[in-house]
Structure formats: C-alpha cells, structure tokens
Amino acid sequence: MADRLIPLELPPGLYRNGTVYQSKGRWYDANLVRFTGGAVQPIGGWRYAQDDAGANLSLLAGVPRGAIGWRGTAGDPFLAMGTTQKLQLYAGGILRDITPVGFVAGREDTGYSTPSGTYGAGVYGTGAYGLGSATAVLVEADNWQLYTFGDYLVGVCTSDKKLYLWAGNVVVPAASVNFSATSVDAPTTCTGVVVTPERFLVILGTGGNIRRVSWASQETSTVWAPLTTNSAGDFDLTTAGKIMCGHRTKNETLIWTDVDLHRMTYIGGLLVYRFSQAGEKCGVISPRAAVTVDTQALWMGRHNFYMYDGFVKPLPCEVRDFVFGDLNDVQSAKIWATTIAEYGEAWWFYPSASSTEINRYVVYNYREGHWTVGAMRRSAGCDAGSLAKPIMIAPSGAVFEHEVLQNRPGVAGDGAGINIMTETGVDITTEALFQILSETSPLVPYLDSGPVQVGEGDVLMSVQRIVPDERTLGDVTATIHSAIYPTEPEITNGPYSLANPTSVRIVARQVRIRLDEARMADWRVGTLRFGVRPSSRR
C-alpha cells in the first residue's frame, strides 16, 4: 500500500496557553527563530559594535537601562546609552562619556529599603523613642528615559530625577536643565521625559507629583513657568495611578500610568494641550515597556499586552500563560521594549521567575499577528533606522549589533564569534560558562511543535517518510516524538538529517516534531509533509 502525504500545515507563531495537548496543530516552543512570509527562519545573528579602528567597543560602566539612536542635523549618527552609572555616547566612531556632573548612580536591582530614623533602622538606640517599627519599602531598579529634542539629547534617570540635556558637543557632557527661576511654580524634578510632535519638551511626574505633566514653552528647554507671554504649562492627570512614561505618535502624545492611558492633544491657545483618558485598567508594567509604530502603540501591562490605534484593546496573546506565569514580578521595572521594523516586530525583554536580570524575550509580529518567545540577556537597546543595525546591550555592558548575517556564540563555524565570558561578565572557565548559557539561554535556534494528529479514533498510522521543505537541505535536523495517547511517555525518533525524502519508521496516533539548526546559515523551512499509511500496534 502506498503511503499518503500529509502536509504539516502549522500556522505561524507559538501557542503556549494551557497544556501541551491544547497546542495541537500549532508550534509550541522556540528560541532564536522568527516566522515571516509563511516560513520559519533564524533571527539574525549579532556581533560586537566596533569603533572606526575596528576594535570592539569597551564595556559600558554599570548596567544598561536605556538607549536611543538618531541623526544630527548634519546627518551624523549618534547612539546614547544610559546605565546605572553613566551616560555614554557613541559618535564619530568613538565611545564617549557624557555623564552629567553630579549624576547620582542608580540602583541596579529592585529591593526593599527601610526608611531611616524609624524603629528598626540604623544603629540600636539611635532616633526618638516611640516612633514605631519601620515598614520596608520596595525601591525599584532605576531606569533612563531618553529622547531627542531637535539636535539635542534629553534624558531623565530615576536615580536623581533631574532633567539632563546634551547640546550636541561631543566633548562637553550633558548638564541638568536650568529650570526658569522666574516663578515658584517652575518644576524642580521629574521621573520621565517625552518630546511632542509640536516640539514641546515635556516632563512627567513633576516635582514629586506622580500625576503632573509639565511642558516648557515651545522649542525651549528653560522656560517652564506658565505665563501669558509663553506657551509653557502643566496639567494633573485625572487618574488613580502614577505616570510611568510617554511616547509621541504622528498625531498626538500618549502618556501611560501604571493603571491607564491618556492622550495629550495639541489645541493651541491659552490651554495649549487637551488631556483625555484613552483607556482604563490598561497601565504599562514598566517605564520602558511601550513602543509606538506610526499611529499605533503596543505595550506590556501587568497581566496582558495592549494595543492603541485610536482605541485601546487587549492584544490576543497565545503565549500569555508562558510569559506572565514565569515572570519575576519584583524585578518588573527592568522590562523594556523595542521594535525591529524590518520584520514588523515588537520585542519585550523580561526577567523570568528564576532570574533577577533580563534573560528572556517575547515578540509580537504586528504585521502578521503572531507571537514567539526565546531566551536572551539584553537589558537595553534600540532599533535600526538612523543606525545601520539594531543595537542591543547585555547587562554586562557589552554592546552588540543585531540582525547581522548568522553569527551566534556556541555554534561551530562562528569564527571569532562572541566572547561569551565578556557577554555575561562571569569569570569562570569557558566550558562551565557555556553550560550556564546553554541552560539559561540556548544558543542554537530550534522550533518545537505541539501534538500533530496522524491517526483518528482507534486508527494508528505508520509514518514512512518525511518530505522536507527547506531552502537548502541539511540546514536543520528533525526529531520526531511519537505517542499513542496524549499523557503516555513519548518515544524519541531521530534526530534525522533531512534528505528528500527522509525514510523513517514510526507508528503513532500523534507526533510532535522538533527542528534544530544543524549548521549556521540563513535557512528557511516551509511546509514539511509526512508519508503515512494505516498501521497497528505491532
């Protein structure tokens, strides 16, 4: 009896909600791969960012917590990177230190702090008797918010809550903004910054007021006191939350709190801006967890993902259980997002429950509407555009260009590759370090399916061959896990080096297929087919 070819037509993206069996007919797990145009392929590799002399950039001091790329008015590219210790600039092929004088170093990890001067804090016997026992306060890890203001760079780090401005001179560090002293109403501190489409410099959480938005007079950075002779102003949002961040779109500016989203719309006149709530119970999980694409915004909330395109709506997320079920919520302030516009992707990097630092990512393809996940240690970065390639920075301070050929550590043929000891900052043997990386961040791309039903009812099927659909045969291997019932132990068959066709002999009612990269290449896998025919247990 001739076998019958059954196409393995699994939709793009992963399904990780519920049990493995619930992912029947879907891809279930993956790492370092993407779905695009009906095929699966590895994500682009990465290499050290280099200076003009061809040397790798030095490690940044501190843990990176913010980055932005842009071009100056003369067309020169700039890359600013904020860490817990410094503000550094890559310009003209040189990494420069533009840390403001007096900058207060930030906190690397979220932790508990006991207020001083209360019972239980400090040396025994100090302080006034009867103040009571102090309650430990959760103090979040510090973040940078960076924005461009014309040819300038503006930024705020939550460590000292000052607004800093770098005026474009590569040998002059950034400096704190000299707020106008003409009025007692001028702001003093802030927790975030954004620049509107109308070129207003806006600060968030002004003067310790967690709901206040303040803006300088149009196209200025020093005139903050509202007067009838300027366009400066401020507004307190009507919200139960605290302001987290802001982003501009083509037509308006969006401001997130930890519980809702607000629109900031230019109307001119004495009021200058109108504020309105765009959505409730949809707050952002961290100050860097939102991105904007044209007129829409995407962000990660406390328990879900959201989208704004004029209206706020939850994003149907088929990996929601996996992400939020294994998230270190205490360290959620470190979560950050970026886009890779070339592929229509929004990326969120987050710490898993067993990690205090970023070690995983989740990706939403906003063009095709599907999700994937993976493991990677990156704590800051920005998309390409003004820069040649997307930039992502490891917690150790190592700066990488991403989406460059197929250059990944730990795979034969990567040449000079990546110094994995430098990437992690762990000073142990290379073999032991590679084992750690393999456990927390598998370095070889793979894709694992959920159950695929090949037999119905009491009918078992014999899989006789696999007909691959690869751009180049031999780029991936296939492993088949077979079973008669969903809860019984699986039998592992393979891995097989795929030929056209590949002969196999497997009897099962359901199978799962796993694809592993066999050699570093820009491979593609389309629709595989199984050659099957009815069988029995024997």
Protein backbone atom coordinates (compact mmCIF):
# COMPACT_ATOMS: atom_id res chain seq x y z
CA MET A 1 0.00 0.00 0.00
CA ALA A 2 1.42 3.37 -0.99
CA ASP A 3 1.67 5.99 1.69
CA ARG A 4 -0.33 9.22 1.67
CA LEU A 5 1.42 12.59 2.03
CA ILE A 6 0.00 14.74 4.85
CA PRO A 7 1.23 18.37 4.90
CA LEU A 8 2.34 19.68 8.28
CA GLU A 9 0.45 22.95 7.90
CA LEU A 10 1.03 24.63 11.25
CA PRO A 11 0.07 28.33 11.47
CA PRO A 12 2.88 30.81 12.14
CA GLY A 13 3.62 31.75 15.74
CA LEU A 14 3.56 29.84 19.02
CA TYR A 15 0.71 28.68 21.24
CA ARG A 16 1.79 28.35 24.92
CA ASN A 17 -1.50 28.71 26.80
CA GLY A 18 -2.77 25.70 28.71
CA THR A 19 -1.39 22.18 28.27
CA VAL A 20 0.90 20.86 25.55
CA TYR A 21 -2.02 18.90 24.09
CA GLN A 22 -4.02 22.12 23.78
CA SER A 23 -1.37 23.32 21.36
CA LYS A 24 -2.39 20.52 18.98
CA GLY A 25 -1.72 21.55 15.42
CA ARG A 26 0.40 24.54 16.47
CA TRP A 27 4.04 25.35 17.15
CA TYR A 28 4.61 25.20 20.90
CA ASP A 29 8.18 26.26 21.76
CA ALA A 30 11.03 28.05 20.03
CA ASN A 31 14.21 30.02 20.52
CA LEU A 32 16.05 32.45 18.24
CA VAL A 33 13.63 31.96 15.34
CA ARG A 34 11.01 34.08 13.62
CA PHE A 35 8.02 33.45 11.39
CA THR A 36 7.71 35.61 8.33
CA GLY A 37 6.07 35.23 4.93
CA GLY A 38 4.78 31.73 5.65
CA ALA A 39 8.19 30.29 6.57
CA VAL A 40 10.33 29.97 9.67
CA GLN A 41 13.91 31.22 9.82
CA PRO A 42 16.55 32.03 12.44
CA ILE A 43 16.74 35.55 13.78
CA GLY A 44 19.77 37.46 12.57
CA GLY A 45 23.00 36.98 14.46
CA TRP A 46 24.95 39.53 16.46
CA ARG A 47 28.47 40.88 16.73
CA TYR A 48 30.27 43.39 18.89
CA ALA A 49 29.72 47.02 17.91
CA GLN A 50 33.06 48.41 16.80
CA ASP A 51 34.76 51.77 16.62
CA ASP A 52 36.29 53.25 13.47
CA ALA A 53 39.57 51.46 14.16
CA GLY A 54 37.81 48.08 14.09
CA ALA A 55 38.15 47.46 17.82
CA ASN A 56 35.22 46.24 19.92
CA LEU A 57 33.59 48.95 21.99
CA SER A 58 34.61 48.86 25.62
CA LEU A 59 32.11 47.52 28.13
CA LEU A 60 29.78 50.22 29.39
CA ALA A 61 30.15 51.04 33.07
CA GLY A 62 27.12 49.93 35.07
CA VAL A 63 24.04 48.02 33.94
CA PRO A 64 22.48 49.48 30.74
CA ARG A 65 18.94 50.77 31.31
CA GLY A 66 18.20 52.87 28.23
CA ALA A 67 19.38 53.58 24.67
CA ILE A 68 18.42 55.72 21.70
CA GLY A 69 19.81 56.26 18.21
CA TRP A 70 19.34 59.32 16.00
CA ARG A 71 20.97 61.54 13.38
CA GLY A 72 22.09 65.08 13.98
CA THR A 73 21.16 67.93 11.65
CA ALA A 74 24.42 67.33 9.73
CA GLY A 75 23.40 63.71 9.14
CA ASP A 76 25.85 62.13 11.56
CA PRO A 77 24.57 59.09 13.51
CA PHE A 78 24.56 59.12 17.32
CA LEU A 79 23.90 56.41 19.85
CA ALA A 80 23.28 57.35 23.50
CA MET A 81 23.29 54.69 26.21
CA GLY A 82 22.29 55.27 29.83
CA THR A 83 23.46 52.89 32.55
CA THR A 84 23.14 52.81 36.30
CA GLN A 85 26.47 54.65 36.50
CA LYS A 86 26.93 56.75 33.37
CA LEU A 87 25.52 58.34 30.23
CA GLN A 88 27.68 57.38 27.27
CA LEU A 89 27.64 58.42 23.62
CA TYR A 90 28.89 56.64 20.52
CA ALA A 91 29.62 59.31 17.92
CA GLY A 92 32.18 59.72 15.19
CA GLY A 93 33.36 56.16 15.70
CA ILE A 94 34.32 56.82 19.34
CA LEU A 95 32.65 55.86 22.61
CA ARG A 96 32.50 58.97 24.80
CA ASP A 97 31.49 59.71 28.38
CA ILE A 98 28.90 62.50 28.59
CA THR A 99 27.80 61.75 32.16
CA PRO A 100 26.49 64.94 33.79
CA VAL A 101 28.47 66.37 36.66
CA GLY A 102 26.88 65.35 39.94
CA PHE A 103 24.90 62.45 38.46
CA VAL A 104 23.66 60.09 41.18
CA ALA A 105 24.34 56.43 40.38
CA GLY A 106 21.24 54.29 40.01
CA ARG A 107 20.02 51.18 41.72
CA GLU A 108 20.73 48.00 39.73
CA ASP A 109 18.06 45.78 41.29
CA THR A 110 14.67 46.28 42.86
CA GLY A 111 14.85 45.66 46.58
CA TYR A 112 13.46 46.61 49.95
CA SER A 113 14.69 49.64 51.89
CA THR A 114 13.84 50.61 55.46
CA PRO A 115 13.33 54.36 55.98
CA SER A 116 15.97 55.92 58.23
CA GLY A 117 15.06 57.49 61.58
CA THR A 118 12.44 54.87 62.43
CA TYR A 119 12.40 51.96 64.80
CA GLY A 120 14.41 49.04 63.45
CA ALA A 121 16.54 51.18 61.14
CA GLY A 122 20.11 52.22 61.83
CA VAL A 123 22.16 51.58 64.98
CA TYR A 124 20.27 50.35 68.05
CA GLY A 125 19.42 53.18 70.43
CA THR A 126 19.52 55.99 67.87
CA GLY A 127 16.48 58.07 66.94
CA ALA A 128 13.49 59.12 69.02
CA TYR A 129 11.79 56.57 71.25
CA GLY A 130 8.23 55.59 70.29
CA LEU A 131 8.38 56.19 66.53
CA GLY A 132 7.25 52.62 65.97
CA SER A 133 8.59 49.91 63.70
CA ALA A 134 9.51 50.86 60.16
CA THR A 135 7.90 49.12 57.22
CA ALA A 136 10.29 48.12 54.45
CA VAL A 137 9.59 49.97 51.20
CA LEU A 138 10.08 48.38 47.78
CA VAL A 139 12.52 50.56 45.81
CA GLU A 140 12.56 49.81 42.11
CA ALA A 141 15.59 49.45 39.87
CA ASP A 142 16.43 52.74 38.19
CA ASN A 143 15.80 53.46 34.50
CA TRP A 144 16.77 56.06 31.94
CA GLN A 145 14.21 57.66 29.64
CA LEU A 146 15.96 59.18 26.62
CA TYR A 147 14.51 61.35 23.86
CA THR A 148 15.77 63.62 21.09
CA PHE A 149 14.90 67.32 21.07
CA GLY A 150 15.97 68.64 17.70
CA ASP A 151 19.73 68.06 17.55
CA TYR A 152 19.89 67.65 21.32
CA LEU A 153 19.54 64.67 23.61
CA VAL A 154 17.33 64.90 26.69
CA GLY A 155 17.11 62.31 29.42
CA VAL A 156 15.93 61.52 32.91
CA CYS A 157 17.24 58.83 35.24
CA THR A 158 15.02 57.90 38.16
CA SER A 159 18.08 57.76 40.43
CA ASP A 160 18.21 61.56 40.82
CA LYS A 161 15.08 62.67 38.90
CA LYS A 162 16.87 65.50 37.10
CA LEU A 163 16.25 66.53 33.51
CA TYR A 164 19.52 66.40 31.57
CA LEU A 165 20.29 67.91 28.18
CA TRP A 166 23.23 67.20 25.89
CA ALA A 167 23.65 70.08 23.44
CA GLY A 168 25.50 68.27 20.65
CA ASN A 169 29.15 68.99 21.50
CA VAL A 170 30.86 65.59 21.81
CA VAL A 171 33.50 66.89 24.23
CA VAL A 172 31.00 68.57 26.56
CA PRO A 173 28.99 66.35 28.92
CA ALA A 174 25.26 66.62 29.41
CA ALA A 175 24.07 69.08 32.04
CA SER A 176 20.97 69.42 34.16
CA VAL A 177 18.39 71.77 32.68
CA ASN A 178 18.28 75.20 34.31
CA PHE A 179 14.59 75.47 35.05
CA SER A 180 13.28 79.03 34.92
CA ALA A 181 13.63 80.85 38.25
CA THR A 182 11.03 83.49 37.34
CA SER A 183 8.29 81.72 39.25
CA VAL A 184 7.88 79.47 42.26
CA ASP A 185 5.66 77.34 40.03
CA ALA A 186 8.63 76.23 37.88
CA PRO A 187 9.33 72.47 38.18
CA THR A 188 12.29 71.06 40.06
CA THR A 189 12.37 67.29 39.48
CA CYS A 190 10.70 64.70 37.25
CA THR A 191 10.59 60.97 36.56
CA GLY A 192 10.22 60.92 32.77
CA VAL A 193 10.50 62.93 29.58
CA VAL A 194 8.92 62.99 26.12
CA VAL A 195 9.03 65.40 23.17
CA THR A 196 5.72 66.03 21.38
CA PRO A 197 5.17 66.22 17.59
CA GLU A 198 4.79 70.00 18.08
CA ARG A 199 8.35 70.23 19.52
CA PHE A 200 7.36 70.80 23.13
CA LEU A 201 9.72 69.39 25.75
CA VAL A 202 7.54 67.61 28.31
CA ILE A 203 8.47 66.21 31.71
CA LEU A 204 6.43 63.72 33.71
CA GLY A 205 5.90 63.29 37.44
CA THR A 206 6.88 66.91 38.01
CA GLY A 207 8.20 67.99 41.40
CA GLY A 208 7.27 64.71 43.08
CA ASN A 209 3.65 64.90 41.88
CA ILE A 210 3.13 61.46 40.35
CA ARG A 211 0.26 62.71 38.15
CA ARG A 212 1.64 66.03 36.88
CA VAL A 213 2.65 66.73 33.29
CA SER A 214 4.65 69.93 32.62
CA TRP A 215 5.93 71.39 29.38
CA ALA A 216 8.33 74.20 28.52
CA SER A 217 7.42 76.97 26.13
CA GLN A 218 7.50 75.68 22.57
CA GLU A 219 11.01 74.81 21.27
CA THR A 220 12.68 75.89 24.52
CA SER A 221 14.20 73.90 27.37
CA THR A 222 14.42 76.60 30.05
CA VAL A 223 11.11 78.50 30.04
CA TRP A 224 8.87 76.38 32.28
CA ALA A 225 6.90 78.88 34.38
CA PRO A 226 3.46 79.34 32.72
CA LEU A 227 2.90 83.00 31.75
CA THR A 228 0.58 84.74 29.34
CA THR A 229 3.63 85.59 27.25
CA ASN A 230 4.69 81.98 26.63
CA SER A 231 3.22 78.56 25.90
CA ALA A 232 4.55 76.72 28.97
CA GLY A 233 2.05 74.86 31.12
CA ASP A 234 1.22 71.91 33.30
CA PHE A 235 -1.68 69.56 33.97
CA ASP A 236 -2.54 66.97 36.60
CA LEU A 237 -3.96 63.81 35.05
CA THR A 238 -7.24 62.53 36.43
CA THR A 239 -6.04 59.07 37.34
CA ALA A 240 -5.64 56.74 40.28
CA GLY A 241 -2.18 55.74 39.11
CA LYS A 242 1.28 57.24 38.76
CA ILE A 243 2.78 58.39 35.48
CA MET A 244 5.23 55.89 34.01
CA CYS A 245 6.24 57.13 30.55
CA GLY A 246 5.22 58.98 27.40
CA HIS A 247 5.65 58.46 23.65
CA ARG A 248 4.72 60.55 20.67
CA THR A 249 2.88 59.25 17.61
CA LYS A 250 2.32 61.06 14.31
CA ASN A 251 -0.72 62.94 15.60
CA GLU A 252 -0.61 63.02 19.40
CA THR A 253 1.37 62.20 22.51
CA LEU A 254 0.45 59.23 24.70
CA ILE A 255 1.08 59.13 28.44
CA TRP A 256 0.92 55.90 30.39
CA THR A 257 0.35 55.44 34.09
CA ASP A 258 0.50 52.12 35.89
CA VAL A 259 -3.30 51.83 35.59
CA ASP A 260 -4.42 53.66 32.42
CA LEU A 261 -3.52 55.54 29.21
CA HIS A 262 -4.05 59.23 28.40
CA ARG A 263 -3.95 61.32 25.22
CA MET A 264 -2.15 64.66 25.10
CA THR A 265 -3.54 66.52 22.09
CA TYR A 266 -2.34 69.93 20.86
CA ILE A 267 -5.13 72.53 20.65
CA GLY A 268 -3.17 75.79 20.86
CA GLY A 269 -4.46 78.93 22.56
CA LEU A 270 -4.06 79.52 26.30
CA LEU A 271 -4.62 75.88 27.21
CA VAL A 272 -2.10 74.59 24.61
CA TYR A 273 -2.96 70.90 25.24
CA ARG A 274 -6.10 68.88 25.89
CA PHE A 275 -5.85 65.73 28.01
CA SER A 276 -8.27 62.81 27.83
CA GLN A 277 -8.27 59.25 29.06
CA ALA A 278 -7.83 56.78 26.20
CA GLY A 279 -8.27 53.61 28.23
CA GLU A 280 -8.55 52.33 31.78
CA LYS A 281 -7.18 49.26 33.55
CA CYS A 282 -4.51 49.01 30.85
CA GLY A 283 -1.46 50.52 32.54
CA VAL A 284 2.11 49.78 31.48
CA ILE A 285 4.23 47.41 33.60
CA SER A 286 7.43 49.50 33.49
CA PRO A 287 8.68 52.86 32.20
CA ARG A 288 10.35 51.26 29.15
CA ALA A 289 7.72 48.65 28.20
CA ALA A 290 5.87 50.65 25.50
CA VAL A 291 6.68 51.28 21.82
CA THR A 292 4.99 53.30 19.10
CA VAL A 293 4.73 52.46 15.40
CA ASP A 294 3.31 55.24 13.22
CA THR A 295 -0.12 55.97 14.74
CA GLN A 296 -0.34 52.91 16.97
CA ALA A 297 1.24 51.89 20.26
CA LEU A 298 1.99 48.50 21.79
CA TRP A 299 2.81 47.83 25.42
CA MET A 300 3.09 45.20 28.13
CA GLY A 301 0.75 45.56 31.07
CA ARG A 302 0.77 43.88 34.43
CA HIS A 303 -1.17 40.83 33.20
CA ASN A 304 -1.67 41.34 29.46
CA PHE A 305 -0.44 43.05 26.31
CA TYR A 306 -2.29 46.02 24.79
CA MET A 307 -2.57 47.99 21.58
CA TYR A 308 -3.73 51.53 20.86
CA ASP A 309 -4.78 52.62 17.36
CA GLY A 310 -7.28 55.27 18.35
CA PHE A 311 -8.86 52.83 20.78
CA VAL A 312 -7.27 50.70 23.50
CA LYS A 313 -7.71 46.96 23.09
CA PRO A 314 -6.08 43.92 24.68
CA LEU A 315 -3.84 42.04 22.27
CA PRO A 316 -4.89 38.39 21.94
CA CYS A 317 -1.72 36.70 23.17
CA GLU A 318 -1.16 32.99 22.57
CA VAL A 319 1.91 32.89 24.84
CA ARG A 320 0.36 34.85 27.72
CA ASP A 321 0.38 31.96 30.21
CA PHE A 322 4.03 31.24 29.47
CA VAL A 323 5.20 34.85 29.85
CA PHE A 324 3.18 36.02 32.85
CA GLY A 325 3.27 32.63 34.53
CA ASP A 326 7.07 32.72 34.78
CA LEU A 327 7.85 36.40 35.31
CA ASN A 328 9.86 37.90 38.16
CA ASP A 329 7.29 40.49 39.11
CA VAL A 330 9.53 42.08 41.76
CA GLN A 331 12.08 42.98 39.04
CA SER A 332 9.45 44.09 36.50
CA ALA A 333 10.80 47.67 36.45
CA LYS A 334 13.63 46.34 34.25
CA ILE A 335 11.30 45.21 31.45
CA TRP A 336 11.92 47.08 28.21
CA ALA A 337 10.66 47.06 24.65
CA THR A 338 11.94 47.86 21.19
CA THR A 339 10.89 47.31 17.60
CA ILE A 340 12.62 45.60 14.71
CA ALA A 341 10.73 47.41 11.98
CA GLU A 342 12.38 45.43 9.18
CA TYR A 343 10.29 42.43 10.20
CA GLY A 344 7.31 44.25 11.73
CA GLU A 345 8.14 43.05 15.24
CA ALA A 346 7.74 44.44 18.75
CA TRP A 347 10.12 42.84 21.29
CA TRP A 348 9.79 42.79 25.08
CA PHE A 349 12.71 41.66 27.25
CA TYR A 350 11.89 40.47 30.78
CA PRO A 351 13.34 38.50 33.73
CA SER A 352 11.98 35.01 34.31
CA ALA A 353 10.89 33.96 37.79
CA SER A 354 14.26 32.33 38.48
CA SER A 355 16.31 35.36 37.40
CA THR A 356 16.86 38.83 38.83
CA GLU A 357 18.10 40.15 35.48
CA ILE A 358 16.68 40.16 31.96
CA ASN A 359 17.04 36.72 30.39
CA ARG A 360 14.02 36.21 28.11
CA TYR A 361 12.12 37.89 25.31
CA VAL A 362 8.66 37.74 23.77
CA VAL A 363 7.94 39.02 20.26
CA TYR A 364 4.71 40.12 18.59
CA ASN A 365 4.67 40.41 14.80
CA TYR A 366 2.27 43.32 14.35
CA ARG A 367 2.10 42.86 10.58
CA GLU A 368 1.11 39.20 10.63
CA GLY A 369 -0.41 38.96 14.14
CA HIS A 370 1.52 36.11 15.79
CA TRP A 371 3.85 35.56 18.77
CA THR A 372 7.13 33.84 19.58
CA VAL A 373 9.42 33.61 22.59
CA GLY A 374 13.07 32.94 23.37
CA ALA A 375 15.98 33.45 25.74
CA MET A 376 18.48 36.31 25.53
CA ARG A 377 20.31 38.53 28.01
CA ARG A 378 19.79 42.11 26.85
CA SER A 379 18.92 44.99 29.19
CA ALA A 380 18.70 47.92 26.73
CA GLY A 381 18.74 48.68 23.03
CA CYS A 382 17.12 50.44 20.09
CA ASP A 383 16.01 49.70 16.55
CA ALA A 384 17.91 50.47 13.38
CA GLY A 385 16.88 53.46 11.30
CA SER A 386 19.39 56.18 11.88
CA LEU A 387 21.77 53.35 12.80
CA ALA A 388 22.79 50.64 10.35
CA LYS A 389 21.60 47.77 12.56
CA PRO A 390 19.51 47.30 15.72
CA ILE A 391 21.62 47.77 18.85
CA MET A 392 21.15 45.59 21.93
CA ILE A 393 23.26 45.72 25.06
CA ALA A 394 23.94 42.91 27.54
CA PRO A 395 23.68 43.54 31.31
CA SER A 396 27.47 43.26 31.42
CA GLY A 397 27.71 46.41 29.26
CA ALA A 398 28.73 44.63 26.04
CA VAL A 399 27.25 46.46 23.02
CA PHE A 400 26.09 44.35 20.07
CA GLU A 401 24.85 44.98 16.56
CA HIS A 402 22.00 42.57 15.84
CA GLU A 403 20.48 41.13 12.68
CA VAL A 404 23.90 40.68 11.05
CA LEU A 405 24.36 37.52 8.99
CA GLN A 406 24.39 34.34 11.08
CA ASN A 407 26.87 34.99 13.85
CA ARG A 408 25.95 33.44 17.19
CA PRO A 409 28.10 32.07 20.00
CA GLY A 410 28.36 28.39 20.75
CA VAL A 411 27.81 27.15 17.19
CA ALA A 412 30.54 25.65 15.05
CA GLY A 413 31.62 27.94 12.24
CA ASP A 414 31.07 31.26 14.03
CA GLY A 415 34.72 32.22 13.56
CA ALA A 416 35.82 34.84 16.06
CA GLY A 417 32.19 34.96 17.18
CA ILE A 418 31.30 36.34 20.57
CA ASN A 419 33.43 36.20 23.68
CA ILE A 420 30.74 34.63 25.86
CA MET A 421 32.73 35.36 29.02
CA THR A 422 32.63 39.06 28.22
CA GLU A 423 28.97 38.94 27.30
CA THR A 424 27.94 37.60 30.69
CA GLY A 425 30.66 39.11 32.83
CA VAL A 426 31.14 35.79 34.65
CA ASP A 427 34.79 34.92 35.34
CA ILE A 428 34.76 31.12 35.18
CA THR A 429 36.01 28.54 32.73
CA THR A 430 34.69 28.72 29.20
CA GLU A 431 33.21 25.20 29.37
CA ALA A 432 31.36 25.91 32.62
CA LEU A 433 30.18 29.25 31.31
CA PHE A 434 28.90 27.70 28.11
CA GLN A 435 26.94 25.21 30.20
CA ILE A 436 25.35 28.09 32.15
CA LEU A 437 24.45 29.86 28.93
CA SER A 438 23.03 26.67 27.46
CA GLU A 439 20.75 26.26 30.48
CA THR A 440 19.52 29.84 30.65
CA SER A 441 19.83 30.90 27.02
CA PRO A 442 20.13 28.03 24.50
CA LEU A 443 22.33 29.33 21.74
CA VAL A 444 21.16 27.12 18.86
CA PRO A 445 17.86 28.06 17.17
CA TYR A 446 15.12 25.46 17.46
CA LEU A 447 11.38 25.07 16.93
CA ASP A 448 9.13 22.53 18.67
CA SER A 449 5.57 21.71 17.70
CA GLY A 450 2.60 20.65 19.76
CA PRO A 451 0.90 17.32 19.01
CA VAL A 452 0.02 16.63 15.39
CA GLN A 453 -2.76 14.08 14.96
CA VAL A 454 -1.88 11.49 12.30
CA GLY A 455 -4.39 8.84 13.40
CA GLU A 456 -8.03 9.29 14.40
CA GLY A 457 -10.03 7.18 16.87
CA ASP A 458 -8.57 3.67 17.17
CA VAL A 459 -6.60 4.02 13.94
CA LEU A 460 -2.82 4.13 14.23
CA MET A 461 -0.67 5.43 11.43
CA SER A 462 2.77 4.41 10.26
CA VAL A 463 4.92 7.36 9.28
CA GLN A 464 7.12 6.10 6.44
CA ARG A 465 8.93 9.23 5.29
CA ILE A 466 9.40 12.94 5.79
CA VAL A 467 9.41 15.20 2.76
CA PRO A 468 11.25 18.40 3.79
CA ASP A 469 10.66 21.90 2.50
CA GLU A 470 13.99 23.67 3.05
CA ARG A 471 15.75 26.32 1.05
CA THR A 472 18.96 24.28 1.43
CA LEU A 473 18.82 20.66 2.55
CA GLY A 474 20.89 19.91 5.63
CA ASP A 475 20.46 23.25 7.40
CA VAL A 476 18.18 21.73 10.06
CA THR A 477 17.63 18.34 11.66
CA ALA A 478 14.25 16.86 12.60
CA THR A 479 13.38 14.88 15.73
CA ILE A 480 10.01 13.12 15.94
CA HIS A 481 8.37 12.43 19.32
CA SER A 482 5.62 9.85 18.91
CA ALA A 483 2.85 8.62 21.24
CA ILE A 484 -0.36 6.61 21.21
CA TYR A 485 -2.12 8.64 23.94
CA PRO A 486 -1.63 12.31 25.00
CA THR A 487 -0.45 11.50 28.55
CA GLU A 488 1.76 8.48 27.89
CA PRO A 489 5.57 8.73 27.64
CA GLU A 490 6.75 9.75 24.19
CA ILE A 491 9.21 7.80 22.05
CA THR A 492 12.00 9.91 20.58
CA ASN A 493 12.93 9.17 16.97
CA GLY A 494 15.95 10.83 15.43
CA PRO A 495 17.37 13.40 15.03
CA TYR A 496 17.28 12.96 11.29
CA SER A 497 19.46 14.79 8.79
CA LEU A 498 16.82 15.64 6.25
CA ALA A 499 17.09 14.28 2.74
CA ASN A 500 14.48 14.42 0.01
CA PRO A 501 12.73 12.26 1.11
CA THR A 502 13.86 11.06 4.56
CA SER A 503 12.95 7.46 5.35
CA VAL A 504 11.58 6.84 8.85
CA ARG A 505 9.57 4.12 10.57
CA ILE A 506 7.26 5.44 13.28
CA VAL A 507 3.91 4.06 14.49
CA ALA A 508 1.75 6.54 16.41
CA ARG A 509 -1.58 8.28 16.75
CA GLN A 510 0.08 11.63 17.37
CA VAL A 511 3.56 13.04 16.82
CA ARG A 512 5.49 16.16 17.71
CA ILE A 513 8.29 17.48 15.52
CA ARG A 514 11.33 19.44 16.63
CA LEU A 515 13.60 21.31 14.23
CA ASP A 516 17.15 22.19 15.29
CA GLU A 517 19.66 24.24 13.38
CA ALA A 518 22.34 21.87 12.05
CA ARG A 519 24.64 24.47 10.60
CA MET A 520 24.78 28.21 10.87
CA ALA A 521 23.05 29.61 7.80
CA ASP A 522 20.21 31.87 6.76
CA TRP A 523 17.92 28.89 6.47
CA ARG A 524 14.22 28.69 5.69
CA VAL A 525 11.73 25.93 6.45
CA GLY A 526 8.30 25.88 4.85
CA THR A 527 5.67 23.12 4.95
CA LEU A 528 7.01 19.65 5.71
CA ARG A 529 4.98 16.56 4.70
CA PHE A 530 4.62 13.14 6.32
CA GLY A 531 4.14 9.99 4.24
CA VAL A 532 1.68 7.88 6.28
CA ARG A 533 -0.44 4.75 5.96
CA PRO A 534 -2.71 2.83 8.37
CA SER A 535 -0.96 0.54 10.82
CA SER A 536 -1.44 -1.42 14.03
CA ARG A 537 0.39 -1.62 17.33
CA ARG A 538 2.63 -4.40 16.03
